[in-house]
Amino acid sequence: MQRFGEKLRFLRINSQLSQQELALVLGLTARGYISEIEAGKKKPTAELVLKVARFFNVTTDELLKDEIEVRQYEYPPH
């Protein structure tokens, strides 16, 4: 789970989304939480992990297990 923020950043940038855009898609009011997670300052809630997995069409294992690399299967709609 140490690499969750790194993986989130990869998925977000690969989808050409800003932190603000991703925050809105995930139902957050501000980008600050996304920024802190990507920087490793905060850990995501289980609810956020599920939302991220669904949005980017990846598994929760890919997001949470450090030994598994994350990849996008298809681009999410913008």
C-alpha atoms as a PDB file:
ATOM      1  CA  MET A   1       0.000   0.000   0.000  1.00  0.00           C
ATOM      2  CA  GLN A   2       3.041   2.247   0.200  1.00  0.00           C
ATOM      3  CA  ARG A   3       2.859   2.876  -3.543  1.00  0.00           C
ATOM      4  CA  PHE A   4      -0.854   3.694  -3.776  1.00  0.00           C
ATOM      5  CA  GLY A   5      -0.171   7.417  -4.260  1.00  0.00           C
ATOM      6  CA  GLU A   6       2.382   6.739  -6.965  1.00  0.00           C
ATOM      7  CA  LYS A   7      -0.052   4.473  -8.786  1.00  0.00           C
ATOM      8  CA  LEU A   8      -2.879   6.984  -8.435  1.00  0.00           C
ATOM      9  CA  ARG A   9      -0.670   9.711  -9.903  1.00  0.00           C
ATOM     10  CA  PHE A  10       0.303   7.437 -12.822  1.00  0.00           C
ATOM     11  CA  LEU A  11      -3.326   6.640 -13.608  1.00  0.00           C
ATOM     12  CA  ARG A  12      -4.416  10.266 -13.294  1.00  0.00           C
ATOM     13  CA  ILE A  13      -1.661  11.639 -15.520  1.00  0.00           C
ATOM     14  CA  ASN A  14      -2.045   8.808 -18.022  1.00  0.00           C
ATOM     15  CA  SER A  15      -5.716   9.798 -18.303  1.00  0.00           C
ATOM     16  CA  GLN A  16      -4.788  13.465 -18.713  1.00  0.00           C
ATOM     17  CA  LEU A  17      -6.712  14.522 -15.603  1.00  0.00           C
ATOM     18  CA  SER A  18      -5.762  17.275 -13.197  1.00  0.00           C
ATOM     19  CA  GLN A  19      -5.975  16.628  -9.468  1.00  0.00           C
ATOM     20  CA  GLN A  20      -9.046  18.871  -9.380  1.00  0.00           C
ATOM     21  CA  GLU A  21     -10.771  16.959 -12.178  1.00  0.00           C
ATOM     22  CA  LEU A  22     -10.077  13.629 -10.489  1.00  0.00           C
ATOM     23  CA  ALA A  23     -11.306  14.955  -7.159  1.00  0.00           C
ATOM     24  CA  LEU A  24     -14.599  15.995  -8.743  1.00  0.00           C
ATOM     25  CA  VAL A  25     -15.027  12.639 -10.491  1.00  0.00           C
ATOM     26  CA  LEU A  26     -14.438  10.825  -7.198  1.00  0.00           C
ATOM     27  CA  GLY A  27     -16.918  13.022  -5.343  1.00  0.00           C
ATOM     28  CA  LEU A  28     -14.388  15.058  -3.385  1.00  0.00           C
ATOM     29  CA  THR A  29     -14.817  18.782  -2.858  1.00  0.00           C
ATOM     30  CA  ALA A  30     -11.156  19.750  -3.272  1.00  0.00           C
ATOM     31  CA  ARG A  31      -7.964  18.457  -4.837  1.00  0.00           C
ATOM     32  CA  GLY A  32      -5.998  18.676  -1.571  1.00  0.00           C
ATOM     33  CA  TYR A  33      -6.811  15.136  -0.515  1.00  0.00           C
ATOM     34  CA  ILE A  34      -5.663  13.766  -3.890  1.00  0.00           C
ATOM     35  CA  SER A  35      -2.458  15.778  -3.615  1.00  0.00           C
ATOM     36  CA  GLU A  36      -1.732  14.456  -0.114  1.00  0.00           C
ATOM     37  CA  ILE A  37      -2.391  10.859  -1.160  1.00  0.00           C
ATOM     38  CA  GLU A  38      -0.157  11.161  -4.224  1.00  0.00           C
ATOM     39  CA  ALA A  39       2.591  12.635  -2.036  1.00  0.00           C
ATOM     40  CA  GLY A  40       2.267   9.785   0.455  1.00  0.00           C
ATOM     41  CA  LYS A  41       1.173  12.108   3.269  1.00  0.00           C
ATOM     42  CA  LYS A  42      -2.229  10.440   3.702  1.00  0.00           C
ATOM     43  CA  LYS A  43      -3.601   6.951   3.194  1.00  0.00           C
ATOM     44  CA  PRO A  44      -6.785   6.466   1.184  1.00  0.00           C
ATOM     45  CA  THR A  45     -10.001   5.229   2.704  1.00  0.00           C
ATOM     46  CA  ALA A  46     -11.387   1.886   1.560  1.00  0.00           C
ATOM     47  CA  GLU A  47     -14.219   3.782  -0.151  1.00  0.00           C
ATOM     48  CA  LEU A  48     -11.768   5.896  -2.137  1.00  0.00           C
ATOM     49  CA  VAL A  49      -9.763   2.829  -3.187  1.00  0.00           C
ATOM     50  CA  LEU A  50     -12.953   1.264  -4.567  1.00  0.00           C
ATOM     51  CA  LYS A  51     -13.923   4.456  -6.408  1.00  0.00           C
ATOM     52  CA  VAL A  52     -10.454   4.747  -7.951  1.00  0.00           C
ATOM     53  CA  ALA A  53     -10.467   1.091  -9.021  1.00  0.00           C
ATOM     54  CA  ARG A  54     -13.866   1.412 -10.645  1.00  0.00           C
ATOM     55  CA  PHE A  55     -13.102   4.692 -12.368  1.00  0.00           C
ATOM     56  CA  PHE A  56      -9.775   3.574 -13.834  1.00  0.00           C
ATOM     57  CA  ASN A  57     -10.938  -0.004 -14.473  1.00  0.00           C
ATOM     58  CA  VAL A  58      -8.170  -1.602 -12.399  1.00  0.00           C
ATOM     59  CA  THR A  59      -8.337  -4.051  -9.518  1.00  0.00           C
ATOM     60  CA  THR A  60      -7.970  -3.127  -5.886  1.00  0.00           C
ATOM     61  CA  ASP A  61      -5.076  -5.612  -5.760  1.00  0.00           C
ATOM     62  CA  GLU A  62      -3.262  -3.612  -8.428  1.00  0.00           C
ATOM     63  CA  LEU A  63      -3.739  -0.466  -6.379  1.00  0.00           C
ATOM     64  CA  LEU A  64      -2.915  -1.859  -2.950  1.00  0.00           C
ATOM     65  CA  LYS A  65      -0.270  -4.529  -3.480  1.00  0.00           C
ATOM     66  CA  ASP A  66       3.112  -2.904  -3.934  1.00  0.00           C
ATOM     67  CA  GLU A  67       4.556  -5.839  -5.863  1.00  0.00           C
ATOM     68  CA  ILE A  68       1.887  -5.595  -8.583  1.00  0.00           C
ATOM     69  CA  GLU A  69       2.218  -2.930 -11.252  1.00  0.00           C
ATOM     70  CA  VAL A  70      -0.879  -1.030 -12.259  1.00  0.00           C
ATOM     71  CA  ARG A  71      -2.013  -0.617 -15.836  1.00  0.00           C
ATOM     72  CA  GLN A  72      -5.113   0.764 -17.422  1.00  0.00           C
ATOM     73  CA  TYR A  73      -7.269  -1.564 -19.429  1.00  0.00           C
ATOM     74  CA  GLU A  74      -9.275   1.208 -21.053  1.00  0.00           C
ATOM     75  CA  TYR A  75      -9.453   4.928 -20.671  1.00  0.00           C
ATOM     76  CA  PRO A  76     -12.245   6.286 -18.505  1.00  0.00           C
ATOM     77  CA  PRO A  77     -14.713   8.715 -20.054  1.00  0.00           C
ATOM     78  CA  HIS A  78     -13.897  12.368 -19.454  1.00  0.00           C
END
